[in-house]
Amino acid sequence: MTGTYRGLTWDHPRGAEALRRAVMEAEAPRCEIVWETQSLEGFESAPICDNAARYDLLVLDHPHLGEALGCGALLPLEEVFTSADLDRWRHGTVGESFASYQMDDRSWALPLDAATQVSVAADPAIDIPTTWSDAVALARDVDTVLPTSGPHLFLTLCSIALANGEEPGQGDEFLTVEAVGEGLQTIGAFIDPHRPPPPLHNPIVVLEQMSQPGGPVYCPHVYGYVNYALTGLPRPLQFADAPTGRSGRRGSVLGGTGIAISSRCRPDDGLVQHLRWLLDDATQCTFIPQHAGQPSATAAWRDPLVDRASTGFYSRTWDTIDDAWVRPRFNGAVAFQRSASARVREAVLGHCDARLLAAELTRLHRTSQGDR
């Protein structure tokens, strides 16, 4: 293909600014890409097959892979890049950021951005808790918030189970009754029953609130956005590793984004070189963080200049992202996450019985995999 490529990313500076600026960057390989955006909610749940039919490049989350492969929506990266490229990115990105985009012995997206759930405080005087029990105790004394819309309560429930030594979906039940009960009790400590959260209450909304004077000062579990930690902001937020539980693990669910090439696309050399440049360590250590991005390269996360500019965001959350859990990626995983998230939100806000919720999560998980 020659001419202009169409790309779809998500509507936040972290998701769009660096990609759009790269098209105009003199040092970047020349390539005409028009980047359009969708909301965070669309990024989390919009049908990937529909988007792939309309766009050449897709910024996606790893749970979409099963759905994408089921409809033949993506080109395997092995058909576009060299094995040396793929090996370099495999070994040079943080945690499971590259591996999360591998299925069926192929690689399906370039790990442009790395993120996971961590803790955050707006007041530097706060000693951010390192355990869930201490987080619950702190919430009694300070204005605390937790994202409640979209998949986020469900993902926090999974993270608490991980911190206590139980991996979701590995047994006959998606989560045991005990894990669900502990998770609901912990989550309930951070939500005011007399002040229902708004319908749109995602990590961006939470971090925006915390960055404003008079906003909440503590959140125990939210996807990290380096944009809110930068030096020079009126109220830079302080990020830290996610809380641990009984297992000692910092329970957290991997996020981040990858750039996939749709099967309708015929990438020319200009596009290949442009994408390769975006993943280059030098770009990840300079251009990406300088243009509101959150790099995936280990070199950037370990770079003292990058870390200093973000008030320690990378060094203070490294342990968490290095051990973050990769969500299910089977065909039906996104639909399961959407349905399970609705049930968990209903349970948290309606004080549902843990036994009923555990049974419902197991039923949804089995049904989503075709096990009736």
Protein backbone atom coordinates (compact mmCIF):
# COMPACT_ATOMS: atom_id res chain seq x y z
CA MET A 1 0.00 0.00 0.00
CA THR A 2 1.10 3.52 -0.71
CA GLY A 3 -0.41 6.83 0.26
CA THR A 4 -2.06 7.57 3.60
CA TYR A 5 -2.71 5.00 6.31
CA ARG A 6 -5.58 5.31 8.79
CA GLY A 7 -4.86 4.59 12.45
CA LEU A 8 -7.15 4.34 15.50
CA THR A 9 -5.93 5.05 19.01
CA TRP A 10 -7.56 6.25 22.24
CA ASP A 11 -8.50 9.76 23.18
CA HIS A 12 -5.94 10.84 25.76
CA PRO A 13 -2.57 12.58 25.30
CA ARG A 14 -0.86 9.36 26.41
CA GLY A 15 -2.57 7.48 23.61
CA ALA A 16 -2.46 10.01 20.79
CA GLU A 17 0.03 12.86 21.11
CA ALA A 18 3.28 11.01 20.42
CA LEU A 19 1.74 9.11 17.49
CA ARG A 20 0.47 12.28 15.86
CA ARG A 21 3.67 14.21 16.48
CA ALA A 22 5.78 11.35 15.12
CA VAL A 23 4.15 11.74 11.71
CA MET A 24 5.54 15.30 11.60
CA GLU A 25 8.87 14.59 13.31
CA ALA A 26 11.83 15.33 11.06
CA GLU A 27 13.93 12.53 12.58
CA ALA A 28 11.20 9.91 12.14
CA PRO A 29 11.01 7.88 8.92
CA ARG A 30 8.51 9.55 6.63
CA CYS A 31 5.05 7.98 6.62
CA GLU A 32 1.59 9.42 6.09
CA ILE A 33 -0.68 8.25 8.93
CA VAL A 34 -3.92 9.93 9.99
CA TRP A 35 -4.53 9.00 13.61
CA GLU A 36 -8.15 9.08 14.76
CA THR A 37 -9.29 8.48 18.35
CA GLN A 38 -11.98 6.70 20.31
CA SER A 39 -12.87 7.00 23.99
CA LEU A 40 -11.16 4.93 26.67
CA GLU A 41 -14.41 2.95 26.97
CA GLY A 42 -14.30 2.22 23.24
CA PHE A 43 -10.67 1.18 23.50
CA GLU A 44 -11.59 -1.23 26.31
CA SER A 45 -14.58 -2.87 24.66
CA ALA A 46 -15.31 -1.82 21.04
CA PRO A 47 -15.45 -4.77 18.58
CA ILE A 48 -11.95 -5.14 17.21
CA CYS A 49 -13.11 -6.81 14.00
CA ASP A 50 -15.26 -3.82 13.03
CA ASN A 51 -12.38 -1.44 13.66
CA ALA A 52 -9.93 -3.59 11.70
CA ALA A 53 -12.20 -3.41 8.66
CA ARG A 54 -11.93 0.39 8.66
CA TYR A 55 -8.38 1.09 9.85
CA ASP A 56 -4.87 0.03 8.85
CA LEU A 57 -3.35 0.46 12.33
CA LEU A 58 -5.07 -0.27 15.63
CA VAL A 59 -3.92 0.60 19.12
CA LEU A 60 -5.39 -2.22 21.21
CA ASP A 61 -5.31 -4.01 24.55
CA HIS A 62 -4.17 -7.64 24.77
CA PRO A 63 -7.57 -9.20 25.78
CA HIS A 64 -8.79 -8.37 22.24
CA LEU A 65 -6.38 -10.83 20.62
CA GLY A 66 -8.62 -13.89 20.66
CA GLU A 67 -11.46 -11.97 19.06
CA ALA A 68 -9.11 -10.44 16.48
CA LEU A 69 -7.59 -13.78 15.53
CA GLY A 70 -11.03 -15.36 15.37
CA CYS A 71 -12.04 -13.07 12.52
CA GLY A 72 -8.62 -12.80 10.88
CA ALA A 73 -8.39 -9.09 11.67
CA LEU A 74 -4.60 -8.72 12.08
CA LEU A 75 -1.36 -9.34 10.25
CA PRO A 76 1.22 -11.35 12.21
CA LEU A 77 4.26 -9.22 12.86
CA GLU A 78 6.49 -12.04 11.61
CA GLU A 79 5.29 -11.17 8.10
CA VAL A 80 6.32 -7.53 8.52
CA PHE A 81 9.43 -7.36 10.73
CA THR A 82 12.63 -9.35 10.99
CA SER A 83 13.23 -11.97 13.66
CA ALA A 84 16.00 -9.71 15.00
CA ASP A 85 13.44 -6.90 15.47
CA LEU A 86 11.04 -9.16 17.31
CA ASP A 87 13.76 -10.65 19.52
CA ARG A 88 14.97 -7.17 20.44
CA TRP A 89 11.48 -6.05 21.45
CA ARG A 90 10.75 -9.33 23.23
CA HIS A 91 13.78 -8.93 25.48
CA GLY A 92 13.71 -5.15 25.72
CA THR A 93 10.23 -4.39 27.02
CA VAL A 94 9.07 -4.36 30.64
CA GLY A 95 7.33 -7.32 32.23
CA GLU A 96 5.01 -9.26 29.93
CA SER A 97 4.32 -6.28 27.66
CA PHE A 98 5.58 -8.04 24.53
CA ALA A 99 4.44 -11.54 25.50
CA SER A 100 0.88 -10.34 26.10
CA TYR A 101 0.54 -9.75 22.35
CA GLN A 102 1.70 -13.24 21.38
CA MET A 103 -0.75 -16.04 20.57
CA ASP A 104 -0.63 -19.17 18.44
CA ASP A 105 3.16 -18.85 18.13
CA ARG A 106 2.85 -15.46 16.45
CA SER A 107 3.22 -11.84 17.53
CA TRP A 108 0.30 -9.52 16.82
CA ALA A 109 1.06 -6.06 18.19
CA LEU A 110 4.03 -3.81 18.94
CA PRO A 111 4.20 -2.90 22.66
CA LEU A 112 4.27 0.87 22.34
CA ASP A 113 3.06 1.64 25.87
CA ALA A 114 3.30 -0.20 29.21
CA ALA A 115 1.00 0.23 32.21
CA THR A 116 -0.46 -1.63 35.15
CA GLN A 117 -2.51 -0.92 38.28
CA VAL A 118 -0.56 0.86 41.01
CA SER A 119 -1.17 3.11 44.03
CA VAL A 120 -1.17 6.91 43.99
CA ALA A 121 -1.30 9.81 46.43
CA ALA A 122 -1.83 13.52 45.84
CA ASP A 123 -0.19 14.56 49.10
CA PRO A 124 3.57 13.90 49.29
CA ALA A 125 3.26 13.67 53.06
CA ILE A 126 1.21 10.48 52.73
CA ASP A 127 3.14 7.29 53.32
CA ILE A 128 1.58 5.15 50.57
CA PRO A 129 0.59 1.77 52.05
CA THR A 130 2.35 -1.34 50.81
CA THR A 131 -0.37 -3.82 51.89
CA TRP A 132 -4.13 -3.98 51.34
CA SER A 133 -4.77 -4.05 55.08
CA ASP A 134 -2.81 -0.82 55.53
CA ALA A 135 -4.63 0.69 52.55
CA VAL A 136 -7.96 -0.02 54.22
CA ALA A 137 -6.70 1.59 57.43
CA LEU A 138 -5.51 4.73 55.60
CA ALA A 139 -8.86 5.07 53.83
CA ARG A 140 -10.51 5.63 57.20
CA ASP A 141 -8.43 8.78 57.69
CA VAL A 142 -8.06 10.43 54.27
CA ASP A 143 -10.25 11.18 51.26
CA THR A 144 -9.88 8.02 49.17
CA VAL A 145 -11.14 7.15 45.70
CA LEU A 146 -11.25 4.05 43.49
CA PRO A 147 -12.25 3.85 39.79
CA THR A 148 -15.65 2.19 39.52
CA SER A 149 -16.76 2.32 35.86
CA GLY A 150 -15.94 0.02 32.96
CA PRO A 151 -13.87 -3.04 33.89
CA HIS A 152 -12.02 -1.45 36.79
CA LEU A 153 -13.80 -2.87 39.85
CA PHE A 154 -13.62 -6.33 38.29
CA LEU A 155 -9.91 -5.93 37.57
CA THR A 156 -9.29 -4.72 41.12
CA LEU A 157 -11.18 -7.77 42.43
CA CYS A 158 -8.86 -9.99 40.34
CA SER A 159 -5.82 -8.10 41.61
CA ILE A 160 -6.77 -8.55 45.26
CA ALA A 161 -7.17 -12.28 44.62
CA LEU A 162 -3.71 -12.35 43.01
CA ALA A 163 -2.24 -10.52 45.99
CA ASN A 164 -3.74 -13.19 48.25
CA GLY A 165 -2.34 -16.06 46.20
CA GLU A 166 -5.23 -17.02 43.89
CA GLU A 167 -4.96 -16.62 40.11
CA PRO A 168 -8.32 -16.03 38.41
CA GLY A 169 -9.57 -18.69 36.04
CA GLN A 170 -7.11 -21.41 37.01
CA GLY A 171 -9.46 -23.77 38.88
CA ASP A 172 -12.98 -25.11 38.53
CA GLU A 173 -14.21 -21.69 39.64
CA PHE A 174 -13.14 -18.39 38.11
CA LEU A 175 -12.58 -17.16 41.69
CA THR A 176 -13.40 -18.99 44.90
CA VAL A 177 -16.10 -17.71 47.21
CA GLU A 178 -13.38 -16.84 49.74
CA ALA A 179 -11.46 -14.75 47.22
CA VAL A 180 -14.61 -12.94 46.08
CA GLY A 181 -15.66 -12.29 49.67
CA GLU A 182 -12.27 -10.87 50.63
CA GLY A 183 -12.20 -8.76 47.49
CA LEU A 184 -15.67 -7.30 48.01
CA GLN A 185 -14.93 -6.50 51.62
CA THR A 186 -11.67 -4.76 50.70
CA ILE A 187 -13.16 -2.79 47.79
CA GLY A 188 -16.09 -1.73 49.97
CA ALA A 189 -13.68 0.07 52.30
CA PHE A 190 -12.89 2.60 49.56
CA ILE A 191 -16.40 3.42 48.36
CA ASP A 192 -18.76 5.72 50.24
CA PRO A 193 -22.23 4.07 50.25
CA HIS A 194 -23.81 7.50 50.76
CA ARG A 195 -22.09 8.99 47.70
CA PRO A 196 -22.68 6.79 44.64
CA PRO A 197 -19.93 7.18 42.03
CA PRO A 198 -20.81 8.76 38.67
CA PRO A 199 -21.45 6.49 35.65
CA LEU A 200 -18.17 7.58 34.05
CA HIS A 201 -15.51 7.00 36.68
CA ASN A 202 -12.50 5.56 34.90
CA PRO A 203 -8.79 6.00 35.81
CA ILE A 204 -8.51 9.23 33.81
CA VAL A 205 -11.43 10.78 35.71
CA VAL A 206 -9.98 9.63 39.04
CA LEU A 207 -6.49 10.99 38.33
CA GLU A 208 -7.89 14.25 37.01
CA GLN A 209 -9.84 14.65 40.27
CA MET A 210 -6.79 13.86 42.36
CA SER A 211 -4.64 16.35 40.47
CA GLN A 212 -7.00 19.23 41.32
CA PRO A 213 -6.84 21.22 44.59
CA GLY A 214 -9.37 19.82 47.04
CA GLY A 215 -9.58 16.49 45.22
CA PRO A 216 -9.14 13.04 46.77
CA VAL A 217 -5.66 12.43 48.13
CA TYR A 218 -5.32 8.64 47.91
CA CYS A 219 -6.20 5.84 45.50
CA PRO A 220 -4.97 2.33 46.34
CA HIS A 221 -5.42 0.84 42.88
CA VAL A 222 -5.60 2.56 39.49
CA TYR A 223 -3.85 2.24 36.14
CA GLY A 224 -0.77 4.42 36.27
CA TYR A 225 -0.58 7.45 33.98
CA VAL A 226 2.79 9.15 33.99
CA ASN A 227 1.12 12.32 32.64
CA TYR A 228 -0.12 13.12 36.16
CA ALA A 229 3.28 12.64 37.79
CA LEU A 230 5.39 15.05 35.75
CA THR A 231 7.47 17.67 37.48
CA GLY A 232 6.16 21.16 36.87
CA LEU A 233 2.49 20.27 37.30
CA PRO A 234 0.58 22.28 39.94
CA ARG A 235 -0.12 19.07 41.86
CA PRO A 236 2.05 16.19 40.59
CA LEU A 237 0.79 12.85 41.84
CA GLN A 238 3.04 10.38 43.62
CA PHE A 239 2.77 6.84 42.24
CA ALA A 240 3.95 3.69 44.01
CA ASP A 241 3.74 -0.08 43.71
CA ALA A 242 0.37 -1.79 44.14
CA PRO A 243 -0.45 -3.21 47.59
CA THR A 244 0.50 -6.76 48.50
CA GLY A 245 -1.65 -9.38 50.16
CA ARG A 246 -0.99 -12.68 51.94
CA SER A 247 1.08 -14.06 49.06
CA GLY A 248 3.46 -11.10 49.10
CA ARG A 249 2.67 -10.48 45.43
CA ARG A 250 1.79 -6.97 44.28
CA GLY A 251 -1.50 -7.97 42.73
CA SER A 252 -1.98 -6.06 39.50
CA VAL A 253 -3.47 -6.63 36.04
CA LEU A 254 -1.33 -5.66 33.05
CA GLY A 255 -2.64 -2.88 30.83
CA GLY A 256 -0.74 -0.81 28.29
CA THR A 257 -1.28 -0.72 24.54
CA GLY A 258 0.08 -2.29 21.40
CA ILE A 259 0.02 -1.17 17.77
CA ALA A 260 -1.44 -3.86 15.53
CA ILE A 261 -1.53 -3.91 11.73
CA SER A 262 -4.91 -4.86 10.31
CA SER A 263 -5.15 -7.60 7.69
CA ARG A 264 -6.55 -5.07 5.21
CA CYS A 265 -3.25 -3.13 5.34
CA ARG A 266 -0.36 -3.60 2.93
CA PRO A 267 2.53 -2.00 4.81
CA ASP A 268 5.20 -0.41 2.67
CA ASP A 269 8.79 0.18 3.74
CA GLY A 270 7.99 3.67 5.02
CA LEU A 271 5.40 2.34 7.47
CA VAL A 272 7.66 -0.49 8.62
CA GLN A 273 10.53 1.92 9.26
CA HIS A 274 8.21 4.37 11.06
CA LEU A 275 6.88 1.70 13.41
CA ARG A 276 10.38 0.38 14.01
CA TRP A 277 11.46 3.92 14.95
CA LEU A 278 8.63 4.24 17.49
CA LEU A 279 9.89 1.12 19.29
CA ASP A 280 13.57 2.06 19.15
CA ASP A 281 15.15 2.53 22.59
CA ALA A 282 16.34 6.04 21.73
CA THR A 283 12.81 7.07 20.72
CA GLN A 284 11.32 5.42 23.79
CA CYS A 285 13.75 7.25 26.08
CA THR A 286 13.30 10.70 24.52
CA PHE A 287 10.56 11.34 21.97
CA ILE A 288 7.83 9.21 23.58
CA PRO A 289 8.07 10.66 27.13
CA GLN A 290 8.61 14.15 25.73
CA HIS A 291 5.26 13.90 23.93
CA ALA A 292 2.97 12.62 26.69
CA GLY A 293 3.69 8.93 26.04
CA GLN A 294 4.38 6.16 28.53
CA PRO A 295 7.12 3.95 27.06
CA SER A 296 7.31 0.18 27.14
CA ALA A 297 11.08 -0.15 26.71
CA THR A 298 13.08 -1.32 29.70
CA ALA A 299 15.73 1.22 28.71
CA ALA A 300 13.24 4.04 29.27
CA TRP A 301 11.89 2.67 32.55
CA ARG A 302 15.47 2.40 33.83
CA ASP A 303 16.62 5.78 32.48
CA PRO A 304 17.33 8.12 35.43
CA LEU A 305 16.47 11.24 33.39
CA VAL A 306 13.10 9.83 32.32
CA ASP A 307 12.42 8.75 35.90
CA ARG A 308 13.42 12.10 37.41
CA ALA A 309 11.12 14.02 35.07
CA SER A 310 8.22 11.90 36.32
CA THR A 311 8.95 12.27 40.07
CA GLY A 312 10.04 8.64 40.22
CA PHE A 313 6.99 7.16 38.47
CA TYR A 314 8.99 4.41 36.76
CA SER A 315 11.30 3.34 39.57
CA ARG A 316 8.47 3.43 42.13
CA THR A 317 6.20 1.11 40.10
CA TRP A 318 8.77 -1.17 38.44
CA ASP A 319 8.23 -4.14 40.77
CA THR A 320 4.51 -4.12 40.07
CA ILE A 321 4.67 -4.02 36.27
CA ASP A 322 7.43 -6.61 36.25
CA ASP A 323 5.02 -9.13 37.86
CA ALA A 324 1.65 -7.96 36.47
CA TRP A 325 -0.92 -10.58 35.46
CA VAL A 326 -1.84 -11.06 31.80
CA ARG A 327 -5.60 -11.30 31.35
CA PRO A 328 -7.36 -14.08 29.40
CA ARG A 329 -7.18 -13.54 25.63
CA PHE A 330 -9.47 -16.26 24.24
CA ASN A 331 -12.14 -15.37 21.69
CA GLY A 332 -14.86 -14.12 24.02
CA ALA A 333 -12.56 -12.70 26.70
CA VAL A 334 -13.65 -9.09 26.11
CA ALA A 335 -17.34 -10.04 26.28
CA PHE A 336 -16.63 -11.95 29.49
CA GLN A 337 -14.76 -8.99 30.98
CA ARG A 338 -17.64 -6.68 30.08
CA SER A 339 -20.33 -8.93 31.62
CA ALA A 340 -18.24 -9.80 34.68
CA SER A 341 -17.47 -6.13 35.25
CA ALA A 342 -21.18 -5.27 35.27
CA ARG A 343 -21.85 -8.01 37.84
CA VAL A 344 -19.00 -6.91 40.10
CA ARG A 345 -20.11 -3.28 39.97
CA GLU A 346 -23.67 -4.33 40.85
CA ALA A 347 -22.35 -6.45 43.71
CA VAL A 348 -20.11 -3.73 45.13
CA LEU A 349 -22.72 -0.98 44.96
CA GLY A 350 -25.60 -3.27 45.98
CA HIS A 351 -23.76 -5.27 48.66
CA CYS A 352 -24.38 -8.57 46.87
CA ASP A 353 -23.62 -11.90 48.53
CA ALA A 354 -20.13 -13.16 47.64
CA ARG A 355 -21.39 -16.68 46.99
CA LEU A 356 -23.83 -15.47 44.36
CA LEU A 357 -21.21 -13.31 42.67
CA ALA A 358 -18.61 -16.12 42.63
CA ALA A 359 -21.11 -18.48 41.02
CA GLU A 360 -22.09 -15.89 38.43
CA LEU A 361 -18.46 -15.13 37.51
CA THR A 362 -17.80 -18.85 37.04
CA ARG A 363 -20.92 -19.25 34.89
CA LEU A 364 -19.98 -16.28 32.70
CA HIS A 365 -16.42 -17.52 32.33
CA ARG A 366 -17.50 -20.99 31.25
CA THR A 367 -20.17 -19.67 28.88
CA SER A 368 -17.75 -17.24 27.25
CA GLN A 369 -15.50 -20.18 26.36
CA GLY A 370 -18.36 -22.21 24.92
CA ASP A 371 -18.63 -24.54 27.94
CA ARG A 372 -22.35 -24.82 28.62
